[in-house]
């Protein structure tokens, strides 16, 4: 049996270099509560204010997106971007437990 005509040379292939990631300004932010709902309960009624910017992102949601149980908002303060809900405790589909 005859060997190869030319001597074979072999080496491990070089590992490809990972491309450098560009420097991007990044600051890890921790979530902050939006504090977007306030409620006052009385003996027979409830009063609720909901900020239209519910998630605290700076983008108000449509007022039709909010209901209290099955009831729509009873009022609105456009300057404060607040929806107002007023209901009897037994109203809007609530039940006594």
PDB file of N, CA and C in Angstrom:
ATOM      1  N   UNK A   1       0.821  -1.165   0.000  1.00  0.00           N
ATOM      2  CA  UNK A   1       0.000   0.000   0.000  1.00  0.00           C
ATOM      3  C   UNK A   1       0.873   1.238   0.000  1.00  0.00           C
ATOM      4  N   UNK A   2       0.504   2.171  -0.848  1.00  0.00           N
ATOM      5  CA  UNK A   2       1.334   3.366  -0.978  1.00  0.00           C
ATOM      6  C   UNK A   2       0.683   4.523  -0.237  1.00  0.00           C
ATOM      7  N   UNK A   3       1.463   5.392   0.330  1.00  0.00           N
ATOM      8  CA  UNK A   3       0.979   6.559   1.045  1.00  0.00           C
ATOM      9  C   UNK A   3       0.625   7.686   0.083  1.00  0.00           C
ATOM     10  N   UNK A   4       0.120   8.784   0.634  1.00  0.00           N
ATOM     11  CA  UNK A   4      -0.238   9.912  -0.215  1.00  0.00           C
ATOM     12  C   UNK A   4       0.990  10.496  -0.893  1.00  0.00           C
ATOM     13  N   UNK A   5       0.740  11.080  -2.029  1.00  0.00           N
ATOM     14  CA  UNK A   5       1.838  11.637  -2.798  1.00  0.00           C
ATOM     15  C   UNK A   5       2.418  12.862  -2.106  1.00  0.00           C
ATOM     16  N   UNK A   6       1.556  13.682  -1.452  1.00  0.00           N
ATOM     17  CA  UNK A   6       2.077  14.845  -0.731  1.00  0.00           C
ATOM     18  C   UNK A   6       1.723  14.692   0.740  1.00  0.00           C
ATOM     19  N   UNK A   7       2.534  15.265   1.541  1.00  0.00           N
ATOM     20  CA  UNK A   7       2.317  15.177   2.977  1.00  0.00           C
ATOM     21  C   UNK A   7       1.118  16.056   3.369  1.00  0.00           C
ATOM     22  N   UNK A   8       0.221  15.489   4.146  1.00  0.00           N
ATOM     23  CA  UNK A   8      -0.948  16.230   4.598  1.00  0.00           C
ATOM     24  C   UNK A   8      -0.605  17.013   5.857  1.00  0.00           C
ATOM     25  N   UNK A   9      -1.055  18.263   5.896  1.00  0.00           N
ATOM     26  CA  UNK A   9      -0.882  19.064   7.111  1.00  0.00           C
ATOM     27  C   UNK A   9      -2.279  19.420   7.610  1.00  0.00           C
ATOM     28  N   UNK A  10      -2.475  19.272   8.890  1.00  0.00           N
ATOM     29  CA  UNK A  10      -3.790  19.531   9.478  1.00  0.00           C
ATOM     30  C   UNK A  10      -3.611  20.192  10.830  1.00  0.00           C
ATOM     31  N   UNK A  11      -4.530  21.097  11.159  1.00  0.00           N
ATOM     32  CA  UNK A  11      -4.531  21.716  12.487  1.00  0.00           C
ATOM     33  C   UNK A  11      -5.985  22.003  12.853  1.00  0.00           C
ATOM     34  N   UNK A  12      -6.219  22.212  14.136  1.00  0.00           N
ATOM     35  CA  UNK A  12      -7.567  22.541  14.581  1.00  0.00           C
ATOM     36  C   UNK A  12      -7.981  23.880  13.968  1.00  0.00           C
ATOM     37  N   UNK A  13      -9.235  23.997  13.582  1.00  0.00           N
ATOM     38  CA  UNK A  13      -9.674  25.285  13.029  1.00  0.00           C
ATOM     39  C   UNK A  13      -9.707  26.348  14.129  1.00  0.00           C
ATOM     40  N   UNK A  14      -9.492  27.577  13.740  1.00  0.00           N
ATOM     41  CA  UNK A  14      -9.535  28.663  14.718  1.00  0.00           C
ATOM     42  C   UNK A  14     -10.994  28.995  15.016  1.00  0.00           C
ATOM     43  N   UNK A  15     -11.245  29.338  16.264  1.00  0.00           N
ATOM     44  CA  UNK A  15     -12.600  29.694  16.672  1.00  0.00           C
ATOM     45  C   UNK A  15     -12.957  31.065  16.107  1.00  0.00           C
ATOM     46  N   UNK A  16     -14.179  31.211  15.623  1.00  0.00           N
ATOM     47  CA  UNK A  16     -14.566  32.532  15.111  1.00  0.00           C
ATOM     48  C   UNK A  16     -14.672  33.531  16.260  1.00  0.00           C
ATOM     49  N   UNK A  17     -14.289  34.747  15.981  1.00  0.00           N
ATOM     50  CA  UNK A  17     -14.381  35.785  17.004  1.00  0.00           C
ATOM     51  C   UNK A  17     -15.819  36.272  17.091  1.00  0.00           C
ATOM     52  N   UNK A  18     -16.290  36.460  18.336  1.00  0.00           N
ATOM     53  CA  UNK A  18     -17.634  36.995  18.517  1.00  0.00           C
ATOM     54  C   UNK A  18     -17.586  38.495  18.255  1.00  0.00           C
ATOM     55  N   UNK A  19     -18.550  38.988  17.494  1.00  0.00           N
ATOM     56  CA  UNK A  19     -18.532  40.429  17.201  1.00  0.00           C
ATOM     57  C   UNK A  19     -18.749  41.243  18.472  1.00  0.00           C
ATOM     58  N   UNK A  20     -18.081  42.353  18.543  1.00  0.00           N
ATOM     59  CA  UNK A  20     -18.209  43.235  19.700  1.00  0.00           C
ATOM     60  C   UNK A  20     -19.572  43.914  19.663  1.00  0.00           C
ATOM     61  N   UNK A  21     -20.236  43.954  20.805  1.00  0.00           N
ATOM     62  CA  UNK A  21     -21.507  44.649  20.913  1.00  0.00           C
ATOM     63  C   UNK A  21     -21.230  46.146  21.054  1.00  0.00           C
ATOM     64  N   UNK A  22     -21.961  46.962  20.310  1.00  0.00           N
ATOM     65  CA  UNK A  22     -21.742  48.409  20.452  1.00  0.00           C
ATOM     66  C   UNK A  22     -22.194  48.873  21.837  1.00  0.00           C
ATOM     67  N   UNK A  23     -21.540  49.893  22.322  1.00  0.00           N
ATOM     68  CA  UNK A  23     -21.915  50.459  23.616  1.00  0.00           C
ATOM     69  C   UNK A  23     -23.258  51.170  23.480  1.00  0.00           C
ATOM     70  N   UNK A  24     -24.219  50.682  24.217  1.00  0.00           N
ATOM     71  CA  UNK A  24     -25.556  51.270  24.208  1.00  0.00           C
ATOM     72  C   UNK A  24     -25.851  51.733  25.625  1.00  0.00           C
ATOM     73  N   UNK A  25     -26.263  52.988  25.784  1.00  0.00           N
ATOM     74  CA  UNK A  25     -26.579  53.424  27.147  1.00  0.00           C
ATOM     75  C   UNK A  25     -27.770  52.627  27.676  1.00  0.00           C
ATOM     76  N   UNK A  26     -27.573  51.986  28.782  1.00  0.00           N
ATOM     77  CA  UNK A  26     -28.613  51.144  29.365  1.00  0.00           C
ATOM     78  C   UNK A  26     -28.635  51.360  30.861  1.00  0.00           C
ATOM     79  N   UNK A  27     -29.815  51.606  31.367  1.00  0.00           N
ATOM     80  CA  UNK A  27     -29.970  51.775  32.807  1.00  0.00           C
ATOM     81  C   UNK A  27     -31.106  50.870  33.259  1.00  0.00           C
ATOM     82  N   UNK A  28     -30.810  49.970  34.152  1.00  0.00           N
ATOM     83  CA  UNK A  28     -31.819  49.067  34.675  1.00  0.00           C
ATOM     84  C   UNK A  28     -32.763  49.854  35.574  1.00  0.00           C
ATOM     85  N   UNK A  29     -34.053  49.815  35.222  1.00  0.00           N
ATOM     86  CA  UNK A  29     -35.033  50.530  36.023  1.00  0.00           C
ATOM     87  C   UNK A  29     -35.880  49.524  36.774  1.00  0.00           C
ATOM     88  N   UNK A  30     -36.160  49.843  38.001  1.00  0.00           N
ATOM     89  CA  UNK A  30     -37.019  48.995  38.814  1.00  0.00           C
ATOM     90  C   UNK A  30     -38.454  49.514  38.701  1.00  0.00           C
ATOM     91  N   UNK A  31     -39.423  48.605  38.618  1.00  0.00           N
ATOM     92  CA  UNK A  31     -40.806  49.064  38.486  1.00  0.00           C
ATOM     93  C   UNK A  31     -41.258  49.873  39.695  1.00  0.00           C
ATOM     94  N   UNK A  32     -42.052  50.866  39.414  1.00  0.00           N
ATOM     95  CA  UNK A  32     -42.591  51.738  40.450  1.00  0.00           C
ATOM     96  C   UNK A  32     -44.112  51.626  40.385  1.00  0.00           C
ATOM     97  N   UNK A  33     -44.777  51.477  41.522  1.00  0.00           N
ATOM     98  CA  UNK A  33     -46.237  51.386  41.479  1.00  0.00           C
ATOM     99  C   UNK A  33     -46.846  52.637  40.847  1.00  0.00           C
ATOM    100  N   UNK A  34     -47.863  52.431  40.047  1.00  0.00           N
ATOM    101  CA  UNK A  34     -48.485  53.548  39.340  1.00  0.00           C
ATOM    102  C   UNK A  34     -49.410  54.364  40.240  1.00  0.00           C
ATOM    103  N   UNK A  35     -49.885  53.796  41.340  1.00  0.00           N
ATOM    104  CA  UNK A  35     -50.824  54.491  42.235  1.00  0.00           C
ATOM    105  C   UNK A  35     -51.970  55.104  41.442  1.00  0.00           C
ATOM    106  N   UNK A  36     -52.594  54.290  40.616  1.00  0.00           N
ATOM    107  CA  UNK A  36     -53.585  54.811  39.684  1.00  0.00           C
ATOM    108  C   UNK A  36     -55.029  54.605  40.123  1.00  0.00           C
ATOM    109  N   UNK A  37     -55.255  54.019  41.289  1.00  0.00           N
ATOM    110  CA  UNK A  37     -56.625  53.795  41.766  1.00  0.00           C
ATOM    111  C   UNK A  37     -56.739  54.286  43.206  1.00  0.00           C
ATOM    112  N   UNK A  38     -57.815  55.031  43.471  1.00  0.00           N
ATOM    113  CA  UNK A  38     -58.119  55.453  44.838  1.00  0.00           C
ATOM    114  C   UNK A  38     -59.576  55.105  45.100  1.00  0.00           C
ATOM    115  N   UNK A  39     -59.857  54.604  46.285  1.00  0.00           N
ATOM    116  CA  UNK A  39     -61.233  54.204  46.607  1.00  0.00           C
ATOM    117  C   UNK A  39     -61.600  54.674  48.004  1.00  0.00           C
ATOM    118  N   UNK A  40     -62.855  55.071  48.152  1.00  0.00           N
ATOM    119  CA  UNK A  40     -63.418  55.408  49.456  1.00  0.00           C
ATOM    120  C   UNK A  40     -64.690  54.593  49.615  1.00  0.00           C
ATOM    121  N   UNK A  41     -64.758  53.867  50.696  1.00  0.00           N
ATOM    122  CA  UNK A  41     -65.949  53.062  50.966  1.00  0.00           C
ATOM    123  C   UNK A  41     -66.751  53.715  52.083  1.00  0.00           C
ATOM    124  N   UNK A  42     -68.030  53.845  51.862  1.00  0.00           N
ATOM    125  CA  UNK A  42     -68.953  54.331  52.884  1.00  0.00           C
ATOM    126  C   UNK A  42     -69.825  53.156  53.309  1.00  0.00           C
ATOM    127  N   UNK A  43     -70.768  53.416  54.176  1.00  0.00           N
ATOM    128  CA  UNK A  43     -71.605  52.337  54.688  1.00  0.00           C
ATOM    129  C   UNK A  43     -72.412  51.666  53.580  1.00  0.00           C
ATOM    130  N   UNK A  44     -72.902  52.448  52.625  1.00  0.00           N
ATOM    131  CA  UNK A  44     -73.754  51.889  51.577  1.00  0.00           C
ATOM    132  C   UNK A  44     -73.248  52.140  50.161  1.00  0.00           C
ATOM    133  N   UNK A  45     -72.107  52.816  50.016  1.00  0.00           N
ATOM    134  CA  UNK A  45     -71.652  53.163  48.672  1.00  0.00           C
ATOM    135  C   UNK A  45     -70.134  53.101  48.577  1.00  0.00           C
ATOM    136  N   UNK A  46     -69.672  53.145  47.346  1.00  0.00           N
ATOM    137  CA  UNK A  46     -68.238  53.168  47.085  1.00  0.00           C
ATOM    138  C   UNK A  46     -67.966  54.258  46.052  1.00  0.00           C
ATOM    139  N   UNK A  47     -66.836  54.963  46.234  1.00  0.00           N
ATOM    140  CA  UNK A  47     -66.409  56.033  45.338  1.00  0.00           C
ATOM    141  C   UNK A  47     -64.999  55.665  44.884  1.00  0.00           C
ATOM    142  N   UNK A  48     -64.800  55.554  43.577  1.00  0.00           N
ATOM    143  CA  UNK A  48     -63.508  55.116  43.046  1.00  0.00           C
ATOM    144  C   UNK A  48     -63.042  56.107  41.992  1.00  0.00           C
ATOM    145  N   UNK A  49     -61.776  56.496  42.070  1.00  0.00           N
ATOM    146  CA  UNK A  49     -61.147  57.316  41.033  1.00  0.00           C
ATOM    147  C   UNK A  49     -60.049  56.488  40.383  1.00  0.00           C
ATOM    148  N   UNK A  50     -60.031  56.484  39.050  1.00  0.00           N
ATOM    149  CA  UNK A  50     -59.045  55.714  38.291  1.00  0.00           C
ATOM    150  C   UNK A  50     -58.359  56.654  37.307  1.00  0.00           C
ATOM    151  N   UNK A  51     -57.033  56.688  37.341  1.00  0.00           N
ATOM    152  CA  UNK A  51     -56.290  57.507  36.389  1.00  0.00           C
ATOM    153  C   UNK A  51     -56.367  56.861  35.008  1.00  0.00           C
ATOM    154  N   UNK A  52     -56.619  57.689  33.985  1.00  0.00           N
ATOM    155  CA  UNK A  52     -56.668  57.166  32.625  1.00  0.00           C
ATOM    156  C   UNK A  52     -55.307  56.625  32.194  1.00  0.00           C
ATOM    157  N   UNK A  53     -54.219  57.178  32.747  1.00  0.00           N
ATOM    158  CA  UNK A  53     -52.877  56.628  32.527  1.00  0.00           C
ATOM    159  C   UNK A  53     -52.665  55.527  33.567  1.00  0.00           C
ATOM    160  N   UNK A  54     -53.448  54.483  33.454  1.00  0.00           N
ATOM    161  CA  UNK A  54     -53.539  53.436  34.470  1.00  0.00           C
ATOM    162  C   UNK A  54     -52.193  52.787  34.779  1.00  0.00           C
ATOM    163  N   UNK A  55     -51.367  52.559  33.755  1.00  0.00           N
ATOM    164  CA  UNK A  55     -50.102  51.853  33.953  1.00  0.00           C
ATOM    165  C   UNK A  55     -48.936  52.793  34.232  1.00  0.00           C
ATOM    166  N   UNK A  56     -49.172  54.096  34.259  1.00  0.00           N
ATOM    167  CA  UNK A  56     -48.110  55.049  34.551  1.00  0.00           C
ATOM    168  C   UNK A  56     -47.089  55.158  33.446  1.00  0.00           C
ATOM    169  N   UNK A  57     -47.494  54.914  32.202  1.00  0.00           N
ATOM    170  CA  UNK A  57     -46.571  54.954  31.067  1.00  0.00           C
ATOM    171  C   UNK A  57     -46.599  56.283  30.339  1.00  0.00           C
ATOM    172  N   UNK A  58     -47.530  57.168  30.708  1.00  0.00           N
ATOM    173  CA  UNK A  58     -47.665  58.432  30.009  1.00  0.00           C
ATOM    174  C   UNK A  58     -48.673  58.375  28.879  1.00  0.00           C
ATOM    175  N   UNK A  59     -49.258  57.210  28.659  1.00  0.00           N
ATOM    176  CA  UNK A  59     -50.255  57.038  27.604  1.00  0.00           C
ATOM    177  C   UNK A  59     -51.598  56.708  28.235  1.00  0.00           C
ATOM    178  N   UNK A  60     -52.549  57.627  28.175  1.00  0.00           N
ATOM    179  CA  UNK A  60     -53.857  57.324  28.763  1.00  0.00           C
ATOM    180  C   UNK A  60     -54.610  56.285  27.942  1.00  0.00           C
ATOM    181  N   UNK A  61     -55.368  55.447  28.631  1.00  0.00           N
ATOM    182  CA  UNK A  61     -56.212  54.459  27.972  1.00  0.00           C
ATOM    183  C   UNK A  61     -57.574  55.073  27.692  1.00  0.00           C
ATOM    184  N   UNK A  62     -58.313  54.457  26.802  1.00  0.00           N
ATOM    185  CA  UNK A  62     -59.662  54.939  26.499  1.00  0.00           C
ATOM    186  C   UNK A  62     -60.554  54.717  27.715  1.00  0.00           C
ATOM    187  N   UNK A  63     -61.423  55.675  27.973  1.00  0.00           N
ATOM    188  CA  UNK A  63     -62.299  55.553  29.142  1.00  0.00           C
ATOM    189  C   UNK A  63     -63.225  54.350  29.022  1.00  0.00           C
ATOM    190  N   UNK A  64     -63.510  53.906  27.799  1.00  0.00           N
ATOM    191  CA  UNK A  64     -64.370  52.730  27.623  1.00  0.00           C
ATOM    192  C   UNK A  64     -63.672  51.441  28.064  1.00  0.00           C
ATOM    193  N   UNK A  65     -62.364  51.500  28.313  1.00  0.00           N
ATOM    194  CA  UNK A  65     -61.620  50.313  28.755  1.00  0.00           C
ATOM    195  C   UNK A  65     -61.839  50.026  30.235  1.00  0.00           C
ATOM    196  N   UNK A  66     -62.446  50.961  30.958  1.00  0.00           N
ATOM    197  CA  UNK A  66     -62.607  50.817  32.399  1.00  0.00           C
ATOM    198  C   UNK A  66     -64.072  50.620  32.765  1.00  0.00           C
ATOM    199  N   UNK A  67     -64.310  49.658  33.639  1.00  0.00           N
ATOM    200  CA  UNK A  67     -65.633  49.498  34.241  1.00  0.00           C
ATOM    201  C   UNK A  67     -65.441  49.107  35.695  1.00  0.00           C
ATOM    202  N   UNK A  68     -66.431  49.387  36.493  1.00  0.00           N
ATOM    203  CA  UNK A  68     -66.453  48.934  37.881  1.00  0.00           C
ATOM    204  C   UNK A  68     -67.520  47.857  37.936  1.00  0.00           C
ATOM    205  N   UNK A  69     -67.085  46.608  37.978  1.00  0.00           N
ATOM    206  CA  UNK A  69     -68.032  45.521  37.796  1.00  0.00           C
ATOM    207  C   UNK A  69     -68.552  45.612  36.379  1.00  0.00           C
ATOM    208  N   UNK A  70     -69.827  45.826  36.210  1.00  0.00           N
ATOM    209  CA  UNK A  70     -70.381  46.027  34.885  1.00  0.00           C
ATOM    210  C   UNK A  70     -70.753  47.463  34.607  1.00  0.00           C
ATOM    211  N   UNK A  71     -70.417  48.392  35.491  1.00  0.00           N
ATOM    212  CA  UNK A  71     -70.852  49.786  35.363  1.00  0.00           C
ATOM    213  C   UNK A  71     -69.759  50.667  34.769  1.00  0.00           C
ATOM    214  N   UNK A  72     -70.187  51.549  33.873  1.00  0.00           N
ATOM    215  CA  UNK A  72     -69.268  52.522  33.283  1.00  0.00           C
ATOM    216  C   UNK A  72     -69.014  53.649  34.284  1.00  0.00           C
ATOM    217  N   UNK A  73     -68.045  54.490  33.963  1.00  0.00           N
ATOM    218  CA  UNK A  73     -67.729  55.633  34.820  1.00  0.00           C
ATOM    219  C   UNK A  73     -68.933  56.563  34.905  1.00  0.00           C
ATOM    220  N   UNK A  74     -69.134  57.147  36.085  1.00  0.00           N
ATOM    221  CA  UNK A  74     -70.246  58.081  36.281  1.00  0.00           C
ATOM    222  C   UNK A  74     -69.809  59.522  36.090  1.00  0.00           C
ATOM    223  N   UNK A  75     -68.506  59.752  36.036  1.00  0.00           N
ATOM    224  CA  UNK A  75     -67.993  61.100  35.845  1.00  0.00           C
ATOM    225  C   UNK A  75     -66.559  61.055  35.363  1.00  0.00           C
ATOM    226  N   UNK A  76     -66.046  62.242  35.019  1.00  0.00           N
ATOM    227  CA  UNK A  76     -64.676  62.336  34.525  1.00  0.00           C
ATOM    228  C   UNK A  76     -64.136  63.712  34.864  1.00  0.00           C
ATOM    229  N   UNK A  77     -62.842  63.754  35.218  1.00  0.00           N
ATOM    230  CA  UNK A  77     -62.152  65.021  35.425  1.00  0.00           C
ATOM    231  C   UNK A  77     -61.089  65.111  34.336  1.00  0.00           C
ATOM    232  N   UNK A  78     -61.394  65.760  33.194  1.00  0.00           N
ATOM    233  CA  UNK A  78     -60.459  65.778  32.065  1.00  0.00           C
ATOM    234  C   UNK A  78     -59.124  66.433  32.396  1.00  0.00           C
ATOM    235  N   UNK A  79     -59.122  67.457  33.245  1.00  0.00           N
ATOM    236  CA  UNK A  79     -57.859  68.133  33.555  1.00  0.00           C
ATOM    237  C   UNK A  79     -56.921  67.224  34.342  1.00  0.00           C
ATOM    238  N   UNK A  80     -57.469  66.366  35.190  1.00  0.00           N
ATOM    239  CA  UNK A  80     -56.649  65.430  35.967  1.00  0.00           C
ATOM    240  C   UNK A  80     -56.552  64.066  35.298  1.00  0.00           C
ATOM    241  N   UNK A  81     -57.248  63.872  34.186  1.00  0.00           N
ATOM    242  CA  UNK A  81     -57.313  62.589  33.483  1.00  0.00           C
ATOM    243  C   UNK A  81     -57.711  61.468  34.444  1.00  0.00           C
ATOM    244  N   UNK A  82     -58.821  61.711  35.150  1.00  0.00           N
ATOM    245  CA  UNK A  82     -59.321  60.763  36.143  1.00  0.00           C
ATOM    246  C   UNK A  82     -60.760  60.404  35.800  1.00  0.00           C
ATOM    247  N   UNK A  83     -61.064  59.117  35.871  1.00  0.00           N
ATOM    248  CA  UNK A  83     -62.434  58.636  35.729  1.00  0.00           C
ATOM    249  C   UNK A  83     -63.011  58.425  37.116  1.00  0.00           C
ATOM    250  N   UNK A  84     -64.282  58.720  37.285  1.00  0.00           N
ATOM    251  CA  UNK A  84     -64.929  58.613  38.590  1.00  0.00           C
ATOM    252  C   UNK A  84     -66.045  57.578  38.504  1.00  0.00           C
ATOM    253  N   UNK A  85     -66.040  56.678  39.472  1.00  0.00           N
ATOM    254  CA  UNK A  85     -67.081  55.657  39.581  1.00  0.00           C
ATOM    255  C   UNK A  85     -67.755  55.823  40.935  1.00  0.00           C
ATOM    256  N   UNK A  86     -69.062  55.873  40.947  1.00  0.00           N
ATOM    257  CA  UNK A  86     -69.831  55.894  42.187  1.00  0.00           C
ATOM    258  C   UNK A  86     -70.903  54.824  42.073  1.00  0.00           C
ATOM    259  N   UNK A  87     -71.034  54.030  43.125  1.00  0.00           N
ATOM    260  CA  UNK A  87     -72.009  52.948  43.079  1.00  0.00           C
ATOM    261  C   UNK A  87     -72.438  52.587  44.489  1.00  0.00           C
ATOM    262  N   UNK A  88     -73.638  52.049  44.586  1.00  0.00           N
ATOM    263  CA  UNK A  88     -74.050  51.436  45.841  1.00  0.00           C
ATOM    264  C   UNK A  88     -73.221  50.174  46.030  1.00  0.00           C
ATOM    265  N   UNK A  89     -73.026  49.772  47.263  1.00  0.00           N
ATOM    266  CA  UNK A  89     -72.210  48.582  47.512  1.00  0.00           C
ATOM    267  C   UNK A  89     -72.792  47.340  46.847  1.00  0.00           C
ATOM    268  N   UNK A  90     -74.102  47.288  46.708  1.00  0.00           N
ATOM    269  CA  UNK A  90     -74.735  46.128  46.077  1.00  0.00           C
ATOM    270  C   UNK A  90     -74.908  46.326  44.569  1.00  0.00           C
ATOM    271  N   UNK A  91     -74.425  47.430  44.016  1.00  0.00           N
ATOM    272  CA  UNK A  91     -74.593  47.717  42.598  1.00  0.00           C
ATOM    273  C   UNK A  91     -73.450  47.166  41.761  1.00  0.00           C
ATOM    274  N   UNK A  92     -73.583  47.281  40.471  1.00  0.00           N
ATOM    275  CA  UNK A  92     -72.545  46.919  39.497  1.00  0.00           C
ATOM    276  C   UNK A  92     -72.137  45.459  39.576  1.00  0.00           C
ATOM    277  N   UNK A  93     -73.048  44.604  39.928  1.00  0.00           N
ATOM    278  CA  UNK A  93     -72.756  43.169  39.928  1.00  0.00           C
ATOM    279  C   UNK A  93     -72.028  42.669  41.159  1.00  0.00           C
ATOM    280  N   UNK A  94     -71.865  43.498  42.193  1.00  0.00           N
ATOM    281  CA  UNK A  94     -71.178  43.028  43.400  1.00  0.00           C
ATOM    282  C   UNK A  94     -72.127  42.192  44.252  1.00  0.00           C
ATOM    283  N   UNK A  95     -71.545  41.338  45.066  1.00  0.00           N
ATOM    284  CA  UNK A  95     -72.342  40.474  45.939  1.00  0.00           C
ATOM    285  C   UNK A  95     -71.804  40.545  47.356  1.00  0.00           C
ATOM    286  N   UNK A  96     -72.659  40.252  48.307  1.00  0.00           N
ATOM    287  CA  UNK A  96     -72.271  40.213  49.716  1.00  0.00           C
ATOM    288  C   UNK A  96     -71.739  38.825  50.014  1.00  0.00           C
ATOM    289  N   UNK A  97     -70.616  38.775  50.697  1.00  0.00           N
ATOM    290  CA  UNK A  97     -70.031  37.469  51.040  1.00  0.00           C
ATOM    291  C   UNK A  97     -70.093  37.257  52.524  1.00  0.00           C
TER     292      UNK A  97
END
